[in-house]
N, C-alpha and C. Protein backbone atom coordinates (compact mmCIF):
# COMPACT_ATOMS: atom_id res chain seq x y z
N UNK A 1 -16.89 -15.25 67.49
CA UNK A 1 -18.20 -15.52 66.67
C UNK A 1 -19.21 -13.95 66.96
N UNK A 2 -18.49 -13.51 67.64
CA UNK A 2 -18.78 -12.02 67.98
C UNK A 2 -18.89 -10.77 67.46
N UNK A 3 -17.41 -11.37 67.01
CA UNK A 3 -16.59 -9.80 65.84
C UNK A 3 -17.05 -10.48 64.50
N UNK A 4 -16.87 -11.64 64.11
CA UNK A 4 -17.75 -12.14 63.14
C UNK A 4 -18.91 -11.55 63.05
N UNK A 5 -20.19 -11.56 63.44
CA UNK A 5 -21.34 -11.20 63.21
C UNK A 5 -22.09 -10.00 63.51
N UNK A 6 -20.72 -8.66 64.01
CA UNK A 6 -20.61 -7.53 64.40
C UNK A 6 -20.07 -6.87 63.00
N UNK A 7 -18.94 -7.11 62.79
CA UNK A 7 -19.08 -7.45 61.12
C UNK A 7 -19.79 -7.40 59.84
N UNK A 8 -20.46 -8.79 59.97
CA UNK A 8 -21.39 -8.88 59.24
C UNK A 8 -22.61 -7.87 59.02
N UNK A 9 -23.47 -7.81 60.56
CA UNK A 9 -24.31 -6.99 61.22
C UNK A 9 -24.00 -5.89 60.01
N UNK A 10 -22.30 -5.03 59.88
CA UNK A 10 -22.04 -3.78 59.90
C UNK A 10 -22.98 -4.05 57.88
N UNK A 11 -22.19 -4.96 57.76
CA UNK A 11 -21.74 -4.60 56.18
C UNK A 11 -23.46 -4.91 55.67
N UNK A 12 -24.03 -5.77 56.13
CA UNK A 12 -25.56 -6.06 55.84
C UNK A 12 -26.29 -5.27 56.00
N UNK A 13 -26.07 -3.28 57.09
CA UNK A 13 -26.83 -2.66 57.14
C UNK A 13 -26.51 -1.92 55.78
N UNK A 14 -24.70 -1.83 55.36
CA UNK A 14 -24.39 -1.09 54.51
C UNK A 14 -24.91 -1.59 53.07
N UNK A 15 -24.99 -2.70 53.15
CA UNK A 15 -26.17 -3.22 52.06
C UNK A 15 -27.64 -2.83 51.23
N UNK A 16 -28.45 -3.08 52.64
CA UNK A 16 -30.06 -2.76 52.71
C UNK A 16 -29.88 -1.25 52.53
N UNK A 17 -28.86 -0.25 53.10
CA UNK A 17 -29.13 1.29 52.95
C UNK A 17 -28.45 1.56 51.42
N UNK A 18 -27.80 0.94 50.91
CA UNK A 18 -27.27 1.77 49.87
C UNK A 18 -28.25 0.88 48.69
N UNK A 19 -28.71 -0.54 48.66
CA UNK A 19 -29.76 -0.30 47.96
C UNK A 19 -30.73 0.15 47.97
N UNK A 20 -31.61 0.53 49.35
CA UNK A 20 -32.34 2.18 49.50
C UNK A 20 -31.65 2.86 48.65
N UNK A 21 -30.96 3.37 48.78
CA UNK A 21 -30.62 4.88 48.04
C UNK A 21 -30.39 4.54 46.68
N UNK A 22 -29.97 3.74 45.88
CA UNK A 22 -29.18 3.30 44.43
C UNK A 22 -31.48 3.39 43.68
N UNK A 23 -31.98 2.71 44.69
CA UNK A 23 -33.33 2.73 44.09
C UNK A 23 -34.22 4.23 44.43
N UNK A 24 -33.50 5.01 45.19
CA UNK A 24 -34.32 5.96 45.34
C UNK A 24 -33.44 6.87 43.73
N UNK A 25 -32.34 7.24 44.03
CA UNK A 25 -31.65 7.68 42.67
C UNK A 25 -32.26 6.94 41.38
N UNK A 26 -32.32 6.20 41.41
CA UNK A 26 -32.83 5.89 39.71
C UNK A 26 -34.41 5.80 40.00
N UNK A 27 -35.13 6.17 40.76
CA UNK A 27 -36.67 6.69 41.28
C UNK A 27 -36.57 8.48 40.52
N UNK A 28 -35.98 8.86 41.05
CA UNK A 28 -35.63 10.47 40.41
C UNK A 28 -35.26 10.03 39.34
N UNK A 29 -34.45 9.47 38.62
CA UNK A 29 -34.06 9.27 37.30
C UNK A 29 -35.33 9.44 36.21
N UNK A 30 -36.34 8.13 36.59
CA UNK A 30 -37.65 7.48 36.28
C UNK A 30 -38.28 9.01 36.04
N UNK A 31 -38.31 9.72 37.01
CA UNK A 31 -39.36 10.99 37.22
C UNK A 31 -38.90 12.10 36.15
N UNK A 32 -37.89 12.18 36.50
CA UNK A 32 -37.24 13.09 36.04
C UNK A 32 -37.27 12.92 34.23
N UNK A 33 -36.91 15.00 33.53
CA UNK A 33 -36.33 14.83 32.46
C UNK A 33 -35.43 15.72 32.24
N UNK A 34 -34.64 14.84 32.30
CA UNK A 34 -33.25 15.92 32.22
C UNK A 34 -32.28 14.63 32.23
N UNK A 35 -32.29 13.91 31.67
CA UNK A 35 -31.25 12.97 31.71
C UNK A 35 -30.22 13.11 30.03
N UNK A 36 -30.81 13.60 29.43
CA UNK A 36 -29.52 15.01 28.41
C UNK A 36 -30.58 16.00 28.53
N UNK A 37 -29.01 16.54 28.02
CA UNK A 37 -29.22 18.19 28.16
C UNK A 37 -28.89 18.98 26.48
N UNK A 38 -29.68 19.54 25.69
CA UNK A 38 -28.87 20.10 24.41
C UNK A 38 -27.52 20.81 24.59
N UNK A 39 -27.47 21.20 24.26
CA UNK A 39 -25.57 22.37 24.50
C UNK A 39 -25.84 23.38 23.97
N UNK A 40 -26.92 23.19 22.57
CA UNK A 40 -27.09 24.40 21.96
C UNK A 40 -28.44 25.74 23.04
N UNK A 41 -29.51 24.68 22.91
CA UNK A 41 -29.47 26.09 24.54
C UNK A 41 -30.54 24.88 25.86
N UNK A 42 -29.85 25.51 27.34
CA UNK A 42 -30.18 24.15 28.00
C UNK A 42 -31.42 23.99 28.42
N UNK A 43 -32.91 24.94 27.48
CA UNK A 43 -33.53 24.99 27.98
C UNK A 43 -34.39 23.44 27.31
N UNK A 44 -34.26 22.85 27.08
CA UNK A 44 -34.30 21.27 26.30
C UNK A 44 -33.24 20.48 26.59
N UNK A 45 -34.48 19.20 27.46
CA UNK A 45 -33.73 18.28 27.71
C UNK A 45 -34.85 17.12 27.19
N UNK A 46 -34.14 15.53 27.84
CA UNK A 46 -35.24 14.87 27.31
C UNK A 46 -34.52 13.50 28.73
N UNK A 47 -35.87 12.96 29.22
CA UNK A 47 -36.03 11.50 30.72
C UNK A 47 -36.24 11.09 29.73
N UNK A 48 -36.71 9.99 30.82
CA UNK A 48 -36.96 8.03 30.57
C UNK A 48 -38.21 8.37 30.12
N UNK A 49 -39.27 8.77 30.68
CA UNK A 49 -40.38 8.90 30.49
C UNK A 49 -40.78 10.52 30.21
N UNK A 50 -40.81 11.71 30.41
CA UNK A 50 -40.65 13.13 30.37
C UNK A 50 -40.03 13.89 29.75
N UNK A 51 -40.32 15.37 28.79
CA UNK A 51 -39.38 16.22 27.94
C UNK A 51 -39.77 17.10 28.50
N UNK A 52 -38.87 18.22 28.37
CA UNK A 52 -38.79 19.76 29.43
C UNK A 52 -38.13 20.28 28.26
N UNK A 53 -39.47 21.16 28.08
CA UNK A 53 -38.93 22.57 27.36
C UNK A 53 -39.50 23.84 27.94
N UNK A 54 -38.99 24.98 27.68
CA UNK A 54 -38.56 25.66 28.03
C UNK A 54 -38.58 25.73 29.74
N UNK A 55 -37.83 25.19 29.89
CA UNK A 55 -37.23 25.08 31.47
C UNK A 55 -38.06 24.37 32.25
N UNK A 56 -39.17 23.71 31.61
CA UNK A 56 -40.82 23.35 32.13
C UNK A 56 -40.28 21.88 31.90
N UNK A 57 -40.48 20.61 33.08
CA UNK A 57 -40.94 19.31 32.79
C UNK A 57 -42.06 19.30 32.84
N UNK A 58 -42.30 18.90 31.40
CA UNK A 58 -43.41 18.13 30.91
C UNK A 58 -44.55 17.60 31.83
N UNK A 59 -45.78 17.83 32.28
CA UNK A 59 -47.06 16.43 33.19
C UNK A 59 -46.79 15.57 32.54
N UNK A 60 -46.86 15.21 31.09
CA UNK A 60 -47.81 14.19 30.86
C UNK A 60 -45.62 13.26 30.12
N UNK A 61 -46.16 11.57 29.96
CA UNK A 61 -45.45 11.08 29.38
C UNK A 61 -45.44 11.07 28.28
N UNK A 62 -44.27 10.76 27.12
CA UNK A 62 -44.02 11.19 26.12
C UNK A 62 -44.69 9.80 25.23
N UNK A 63 -44.99 9.87 24.35
CA UNK A 63 -45.44 8.20 23.86
C UNK A 63 -44.63 7.97 23.29
N UNK A 64 -43.69 7.20 23.06
CA UNK A 64 -42.81 6.88 21.54
C UNK A 64 -43.84 6.16 20.59
N UNK A 65 -43.38 6.51 19.28
CA UNK A 65 -43.48 5.16 18.51
C UNK A 65 -43.52 3.72 18.67
N UNK A 66 -44.61 3.17 18.12
CA UNK A 66 -43.74 2.01 17.85
C UNK A 66 -43.21 1.50 16.71
N UNK A 67 -42.65 2.16 16.09
CA UNK A 67 -41.39 1.91 15.59
C UNK A 67 -40.35 1.83 15.98
N UNK A 68 -40.16 2.81 17.78
CA UNK A 68 -39.08 3.31 18.13
C UNK A 68 -38.85 2.53 19.53
N UNK A 69 -37.75 1.04 19.35
CA UNK A 69 -37.88 0.04 20.22
C UNK A 69 -37.03 0.58 21.42
N UNK A 70 -36.02 1.59 20.88
CA UNK A 70 -35.00 1.66 22.14
C UNK A 70 -35.39 2.78 23.04
N UNK A 71 -36.29 3.56 23.35
CA UNK A 71 -37.28 4.72 23.80
C UNK A 71 -37.62 3.28 25.03
N UNK A 72 -38.35 2.18 24.25
CA UNK A 72 -39.23 1.07 25.29
C UNK A 72 -38.06 0.26 26.14
N UNK A 73 -36.93 -0.12 25.14
CA UNK A 73 -36.20 -0.80 26.05
C UNK A 73 -35.24 0.15 26.97
N UNK A 74 -34.90 1.32 26.64
CA UNK A 74 -34.13 1.70 27.96
C UNK A 74 -35.72 2.06 29.03
N UNK A 75 -36.70 2.54 29.00
CA UNK A 75 -38.18 2.01 29.90
C UNK A 75 -37.67 0.86 31.00
N UNK A 76 -37.87 -0.28 30.03
CA UNK A 76 -37.77 -1.58 30.37
C UNK A 76 -36.85 -1.73 31.49
N UNK A 77 -35.57 -1.57 30.91
CA UNK A 77 -34.33 -1.62 31.42
C UNK A 77 -33.91 -0.95 32.49
N UNK A 78 -34.74 0.22 32.99
CA UNK A 78 -34.61 1.16 34.14
C UNK A 78 -35.38 0.47 35.12
N UNK A 79 -36.70 -0.09 34.66
CA UNK A 79 -38.24 -0.73 35.75
C UNK A 79 -37.51 -1.87 36.30
N UNK A 80 -36.66 -2.91 34.99
CA UNK A 80 -36.52 -3.60 35.56
C UNK A 80 -34.99 -3.65 36.60
N UNK A 81 -34.30 -3.36 36.35
CA UNK A 81 -33.18 -2.59 37.39
C UNK A 81 -33.97 -2.37 38.55
N UNK A 82 -34.37 -1.10 38.95
CA UNK A 82 -35.43 -1.20 39.99
C UNK A 82 -35.90 -2.77 40.65
N UNK A 83 -36.67 -3.44 39.88
CA UNK A 83 -37.32 -4.44 40.44
C UNK A 83 -36.58 -5.34 41.38
N UNK A 84 -35.29 -5.72 39.89
CA UNK A 84 -34.44 -6.16 40.69
C UNK A 84 -33.57 -6.08 41.93
N UNK A 85 -33.32 -5.31 42.02
CA UNK A 85 -32.38 -4.17 43.03
C UNK A 85 -33.72 -4.55 44.63
N UNK A 86 -34.25 -4.24 44.10
CA UNK A 86 -35.82 -4.31 45.23
C UNK A 86 -35.66 -5.96 46.10
N UNK A 87 -35.45 -6.53 45.22
CA UNK A 87 -36.03 -8.04 45.23
C UNK A 87 -34.60 -8.31 45.49
N UNK A 88 -33.56 -8.15 45.42
CA UNK A 88 -31.92 -8.21 46.17
C UNK A 88 -32.23 -7.68 47.73
N UNK A 89 -32.64 -6.62 47.73
CA UNK A 89 -32.53 -5.64 49.04
C UNK A 89 -34.24 -6.84 49.86
N UNK A 90 -35.11 -6.81 49.44
CA UNK A 90 -35.80 -8.08 50.44
C UNK A 90 -35.10 -8.90 50.89
N UNK A 91 -34.19 -9.81 49.78
CA UNK A 91 -33.77 -10.85 50.41
C UNK A 91 -32.27 -10.44 51.27
N UNK A 92 -31.29 -9.39 51.04
CA UNK A 92 -30.94 -9.41 52.14
C UNK A 92 -31.56 -9.13 53.34
N UNK A 93 -32.51 -8.16 53.48
CA UNK A 93 -32.60 -8.12 54.64
C UNK A 93 -33.74 -9.07 55.61
N UNK A 94 -34.19 -9.84 54.52
CA UNK A 94 -34.63 -11.14 55.63
C UNK A 94 -33.93 -12.53 55.68
N UNK A 95 -32.51 -12.46 55.22
CA UNK A 95 -31.69 -13.74 55.24
C UNK A 95 -30.75 -12.55 56.60
N UNK A 96 -31.00 -11.77 56.65
CA UNK A 96 -30.18 -10.88 57.61
C UNK A 96 -31.02 -10.98 58.93
N UNK A 97 -32.25 -10.64 59.23
CA UNK A 97 -33.05 -10.64 60.33
C UNK A 97 -33.52 -11.92 60.61
N UNK A 98 -33.91 -12.72 59.28
CA UNK A 98 -34.28 -14.02 60.20
C UNK A 98 -33.76 -15.42 60.18
N UNK A 99 -33.49 -15.52 58.86
CA UNK A 99 -32.95 -16.67 58.98
C UNK A 99 -32.21 -16.75 57.58
N UNK A 100 -30.88 -18.36 57.51
CA UNK A 100 -30.66 -17.67 56.32
C UNK A 100 -31.52 -19.22 54.92
N UNK A 101 -31.48 -18.31 54.00
CA UNK A 101 -31.72 -19.47 53.49
C UNK A 101 -30.96 -20.32 51.63
N UNK A 102 -31.02 -20.93 51.35
CA UNK A 102 -30.07 -21.91 50.65
C UNK A 102 -29.79 -21.35 49.70
N UNK A 103 -28.89 -21.05 48.74
CA UNK A 103 -28.59 -20.25 47.63
C UNK A 103 -28.87 -18.75 47.33
N UNK A 104 -29.33 -18.09 48.79
CA UNK A 104 -29.96 -16.94 48.23
C UNK A 104 -28.54 -15.93 48.02
N UNK A 105 -27.57 -16.11 48.48
CA UNK A 105 -25.97 -15.24 48.13
C UNK A 105 -26.43 -15.12 46.89
N UNK A 106 -26.23 -16.81 45.54
CA UNK A 106 -26.63 -16.74 44.29
C UNK A 106 -27.67 -15.75 44.14
N UNK A 107 -28.81 -16.05 44.50
CA UNK A 107 -29.82 -14.97 43.90
C UNK A 107 -29.71 -13.43 44.10
N UNK A 108 -29.04 -13.26 45.38
CA UNK A 108 -28.80 -11.89 45.48
C UNK A 108 -27.44 -11.02 44.86
N UNK A 109 -27.06 -12.40 44.45
CA UNK A 109 -25.28 -11.80 43.84
C UNK A 109 -26.34 -11.25 42.38
N UNK A 110 -27.32 -12.26 42.06
CA UNK A 110 -28.27 -12.34 40.56
C UNK A 110 -28.63 -10.52 39.92
N UNK A 111 -29.26 -10.57 41.44
CA UNK A 111 -30.33 -9.10 41.20
C UNK A 111 -29.20 -7.94 40.97
N UNK A 112 -28.92 -8.34 41.74
CA UNK A 112 -27.86 -6.89 41.78
C UNK A 112 -26.59 -6.77 40.53
N UNK A 113 -25.63 -8.15 40.34
CA UNK A 113 -25.54 -7.99 38.84
C UNK A 113 -26.56 -7.74 38.17
N UNK A 114 -27.69 -8.18 37.41
CA UNK A 114 -28.59 -7.92 36.80
C UNK A 114 -28.93 -6.60 36.97
N UNK A 115 -29.17 -6.11 38.18
CA UNK A 115 -29.80 -4.41 38.24
C UNK A 115 -28.82 -3.64 37.60
N UNK A 116 -27.37 -4.29 38.13
CA UNK A 116 -26.07 -3.06 37.57
C UNK A 116 -26.07 -2.82 36.28
N UNK A 117 -26.38 -4.25 35.63
CA UNK A 117 -26.00 -4.52 33.70
C UNK A 117 -27.33 -3.35 33.06
N UNK A 118 -28.82 -3.41 33.72
CA UNK A 118 -29.37 -3.13 32.86
C UNK A 118 -29.69 -1.69 33.24
N UNK A 119 -28.91 -1.34 34.36
CA UNK A 119 -28.52 0.51 34.55
C UNK A 119 -27.76 1.04 33.08
N UNK A 120 -26.92 0.32 33.36
CA UNK A 120 -25.84 0.34 32.31
C UNK A 120 -26.14 0.19 30.62
N UNK A 121 -27.44 -0.76 30.74
CA UNK A 121 -27.96 -0.44 29.18
C UNK A 121 -28.77 0.70 28.84
N UNK A 122 -29.81 1.40 30.33
CA UNK A 122 -30.24 2.56 29.94
C UNK A 122 -28.78 4.01 30.01
N UNK A 123 -27.79 3.86 29.94
CA UNK A 123 -26.88 4.81 30.22
C UNK A 123 -26.44 4.41 28.51
N UNK A 124 -26.51 3.23 27.96
CA UNK A 124 -25.00 2.84 26.59
C UNK A 124 -26.62 3.59 25.80
N UNK A 125 -27.62 2.84 26.12
CA UNK A 125 -29.17 3.43 25.14
C UNK A 125 -29.05 4.85 24.46
N UNK A 126 -29.11 5.47 26.14
CA UNK A 126 -29.68 6.73 26.11
C UNK A 126 -28.38 7.55 25.37
N UNK A 127 -27.38 7.30 25.48
CA UNK A 127 -26.19 7.45 25.18
C UNK A 127 -25.98 7.51 23.75
N UNK A 128 -25.63 6.17 23.40
CA UNK A 128 -26.27 6.44 22.19
C UNK A 128 -27.08 6.73 20.74
N UNK A 129 -28.00 6.64 20.87
CA UNK A 129 -29.56 7.53 20.48
C UNK A 129 -29.22 9.01 20.41
N UNK A 130 -29.04 9.77 21.62
CA UNK A 130 -29.42 10.89 21.55
C UNK A 130 -28.02 11.71 21.88
N UNK A 131 -26.73 11.17 22.28
CA UNK A 131 -25.97 12.07 22.26
C UNK A 131 -24.74 12.03 21.15
N UNK A 132 -24.50 10.56 20.60
CA UNK A 132 -23.96 10.41 19.52
C UNK A 132 -24.79 11.34 18.22
N UNK A 133 -26.26 11.10 18.73
CA UNK A 133 -26.30 12.04 16.92
C UNK A 133 -27.69 11.04 16.40
N UNK A 134 -27.86 9.77 16.32
CA UNK A 134 -28.44 8.64 15.91
C UNK A 134 -29.89 9.98 16.13
N UNK A 135 -30.48 9.77 17.15
CA UNK A 135 -31.79 10.76 17.68
C UNK A 135 -32.53 9.59 17.49
N UNK A 136 -33.87 10.09 18.33
CA UNK A 136 -34.59 8.54 18.25
C UNK A 136 -35.79 8.97 17.45
N UNK A 137 -36.36 8.19 16.82
CA UNK A 137 -37.38 8.83 15.76
C UNK A 137 -39.14 9.09 16.47
N UNK A 138 -38.76 8.76 17.39
CA UNK A 138 -40.20 9.37 17.64
C UNK A 138 -40.22 11.31 18.60
N UNK A 139 -39.29 11.48 19.07
CA UNK A 139 -39.59 13.05 19.78
C UNK A 139 -39.51 13.49 18.60
N UNK A 140 -40.46 14.24 18.90
CA UNK A 140 -40.54 15.40 17.52
C UNK A 140 -40.60 16.61 18.83
N UNK A 141 -40.77 17.26 19.68
CA UNK A 141 -40.37 18.33 19.99
C UNK A 141 -39.19 19.07 19.60
N UNK A 142 -39.94 20.74 19.03
CA UNK A 142 -39.28 21.72 18.77
C UNK A 142 -37.88 22.04 19.40
N UNK A 143 -37.24 21.19 18.33
CA UNK A 143 -35.35 21.51 18.95
C UNK A 143 -34.96 20.48 19.44
N UNK A 144 -36.30 19.82 19.17
CA UNK A 144 -35.36 18.20 19.64
C UNK A 144 -34.73 17.44 18.64
N UNK A 145 -35.06 17.80 17.00
CA UNK A 145 -34.58 16.60 16.23
C UNK A 145 -33.59 17.94 15.81
N UNK A 146 -32.50 18.98 16.04
CA UNK A 146 -31.49 19.69 16.46
C UNK A 146 -30.15 18.65 16.26
N UNK A 147 -30.47 17.96 17.99
CA UNK A 147 -29.44 18.00 18.45
C UNK A 147 -29.15 16.31 16.85
N UNK A 148 -29.52 16.08 16.31
CA UNK A 148 -28.96 14.33 15.65
C UNK A 148 -28.60 15.58 15.04
N UNK A 149 -28.23 16.50 14.24
CA UNK A 149 -27.72 17.64 13.09
C UNK A 149 -25.90 17.29 13.90
N UNK A 150 -24.85 17.38 13.16
CA UNK A 150 -23.47 17.19 13.81
C UNK A 150 -22.88 18.70 14.09
N UNK A 151 -22.97 18.59 14.84
CA UNK A 151 -22.29 19.90 16.56
C UNK A 151 -22.85 20.30 17.45
N UNK A 152 -24.35 19.41 17.43
CA UNK A 152 -25.03 20.27 18.33
C UNK A 152 -25.74 18.95 19.25
N UNK A 153 -25.21 17.88 19.26
CA UNK A 153 -25.63 16.38 20.51
C UNK A 153 -25.11 17.41 21.33
N UNK A 154 -26.03 16.45 22.78
CA UNK A 154 -26.09 16.78 23.77
C UNK A 154 -25.54 16.96 24.60
N UNK A 155 -25.49 17.26 26.32
CA UNK A 155 -24.79 16.65 26.97
C UNK A 155 -25.04 16.22 28.49
N UNK A 156 -24.48 15.26 29.14
CA UNK A 156 -25.06 14.14 30.49
C UNK A 156 -26.18 15.02 31.30
N UNK A 157 -27.00 14.56 31.65
CA UNK A 157 -27.80 15.79 32.59
C UNK A 157 -27.34 15.04 33.86
N UNK A 158 -28.25 15.87 34.63
CA UNK A 158 -28.66 14.64 35.96
C UNK A 158 -28.95 13.63 35.78
N UNK A 159 -30.18 13.69 35.65
CA UNK A 159 -30.87 12.21 35.18
C UNK A 159 -29.88 10.86 34.89
N UNK A 160 -28.69 11.38 33.92
CA UNK A 160 -28.08 9.98 33.44
C UNK A 160 -26.71 10.26 34.82
N UNK A 161 -26.74 11.44 35.34
CA UNK A 161 -25.56 11.21 36.54
C UNK A 161 -26.25 10.35 37.76
N UNK A 162 -27.55 10.71 38.35
CA UNK A 162 -28.14 9.67 39.25
C UNK A 162 -28.40 8.03 39.10
N UNK A 163 -28.85 7.83 37.22
CA UNK A 163 -28.10 6.90 37.56
C UNK A 163 -27.16 6.17 37.37
N UNK A 164 -25.88 6.65 36.86
CA UNK A 164 -24.67 6.18 37.10
C UNK A 164 -24.11 6.18 38.17
N UNK A 165 -24.56 6.79 39.67
CA UNK A 165 -24.50 6.61 40.71
C UNK A 165 -24.91 5.31 41.41
N UNK A 166 -26.17 5.46 40.98
CA UNK A 166 -27.07 3.96 41.41
C UNK A 166 -26.22 2.71 41.04
N UNK A 167 -25.94 3.02 39.52
CA UNK A 167 -24.67 1.81 38.85
C UNK A 167 -23.34 1.34 39.78
N UNK A 168 -23.22 2.43 40.41
CA UNK A 168 -21.54 2.42 41.00
C UNK A 168 -22.44 1.86 42.57
N UNK A 169 -23.27 2.03 42.92
CA UNK A 169 -24.00 1.91 44.29
C UNK A 169 -24.21 0.05 43.60
N UNK A 170 -24.81 -0.33 43.28
CA UNK A 170 -24.96 -1.93 42.98
C UNK A 170 -23.40 -2.99 42.60
N UNK A 171 -22.63 -1.99 42.04
CA UNK A 171 -21.71 -2.61 42.42
C UNK A 171 -20.83 -2.99 43.56
N UNK A 172 -20.94 -1.55 44.16
CA UNK A 172 -19.85 -2.16 45.32
C UNK A 172 -21.10 -3.08 46.01
N UNK A 173 -22.52 -3.02 45.93
CA UNK A 173 -23.22 -3.76 46.84
C UNK A 173 -22.67 -5.09 46.37
N UNK A 174 -22.41 -5.11 45.05
CA UNK A 174 -22.01 -6.84 45.20
C UNK A 174 -20.95 -7.12 45.32
N UNK A 175 -19.89 -6.24 45.35
CA UNK A 175 -18.38 -6.51 46.21
C UNK A 175 -18.26 -6.67 47.59
N UNK A 176 -19.23 -5.94 47.96
CA UNK A 176 -19.67 -6.65 50.05
C UNK A 176 -20.60 -7.55 50.39
N UNK A 177 -21.37 -8.04 48.71
CA UNK A 177 -21.97 -8.84 49.15
C UNK A 177 -20.71 -10.16 49.09
N UNK A 178 -19.92 -10.17 47.87
CA UNK A 178 -19.07 -11.31 48.03
C UNK A 178 -18.42 -11.70 48.76
N UNK A 179 -17.88 -10.18 48.94
CA UNK A 179 -16.15 -10.27 50.20
C UNK A 179 -16.67 -10.11 51.53
N UNK A 180 -17.71 -10.24 51.73
CA UNK A 180 -17.68 -9.72 53.27
C UNK A 180 -18.38 -10.80 54.59
N UNK A 181 -17.73 -10.85 55.26
CA UNK A 181 -18.62 -11.90 56.24
C UNK A 181 -20.17 -11.69 56.49
N UNK A 182 -21.02 -13.15 56.06
CA UNK A 182 -21.97 -12.99 56.62
C UNK A 182 -23.03 -13.81 57.88
N UNK A 183 -23.33 -12.92 58.70
CA UNK A 183 -23.87 -12.65 59.91
C UNK A 183 -25.21 -13.93 60.23
N UNK A 184 -24.69 -14.14 61.40
CA UNK A 184 -26.34 -15.64 61.46
C UNK A 184 -27.52 -14.16 61.24
N UNK A 185 -28.54 -15.23 61.81
CA UNK A 185 -29.38 -13.86 61.38
C UNK A 185 -29.81 -13.29 62.72
N UNK A 186 -30.24 -12.46 62.97
CA UNK A 186 -30.24 -11.56 63.97
C UNK A 186 -31.10 -11.86 65.31
N UNK A 187 -32.28 -12.52 65.11
CA UNK A 187 -32.62 -13.29 65.78
C UNK A 187 -31.60 -14.31 66.66
N UNK A 188 -30.95 -14.61 65.84
CA UNK A 188 -30.55 -15.61 66.30
C UNK A 188 -29.19 -15.68 67.44
N UNK A 189 -28.64 -13.79 67.01
CA UNK A 189 -27.79 -13.60 67.87
C UNK A 189 -27.96 -13.30 69.21
């Protein structure tokens, strides 16, 4: 049982550390203003909450119109993804350190799978709306409307990359939860 617990402890540590890293990456995505950068001039960019103009990240949150549900949906997806990953990480840490909880594995897996799908939803919404050329209705900063014109589409920015890395970490965490041994709680070892 000693090797089983040692392996389980190592993998639980990897799961908790991976969760913290992924949440940190998504926090950087949430506070950044470079989710998508426009090819025409790399001084214009759009983030989940902030806009970049003239190579400066705006200090105020841009407020989309009520008629533009895509931005609100992307913001909700990102926030819920981080919340669910936090819940999953807390459950894993509690179960690893204190005691086994009935059906906790199902809840943890559900939290991480949902966090992964919601993170993917943010990429899908922003990728379709900005980079395909549909454009949001309510972003009216000079130069950004031009992105909807043919040939002026955007490219993926660092914010989208960090969110994608967080999504991959959630996938790895799901695989680790499913395929690795569950150790006895640390206080019982």
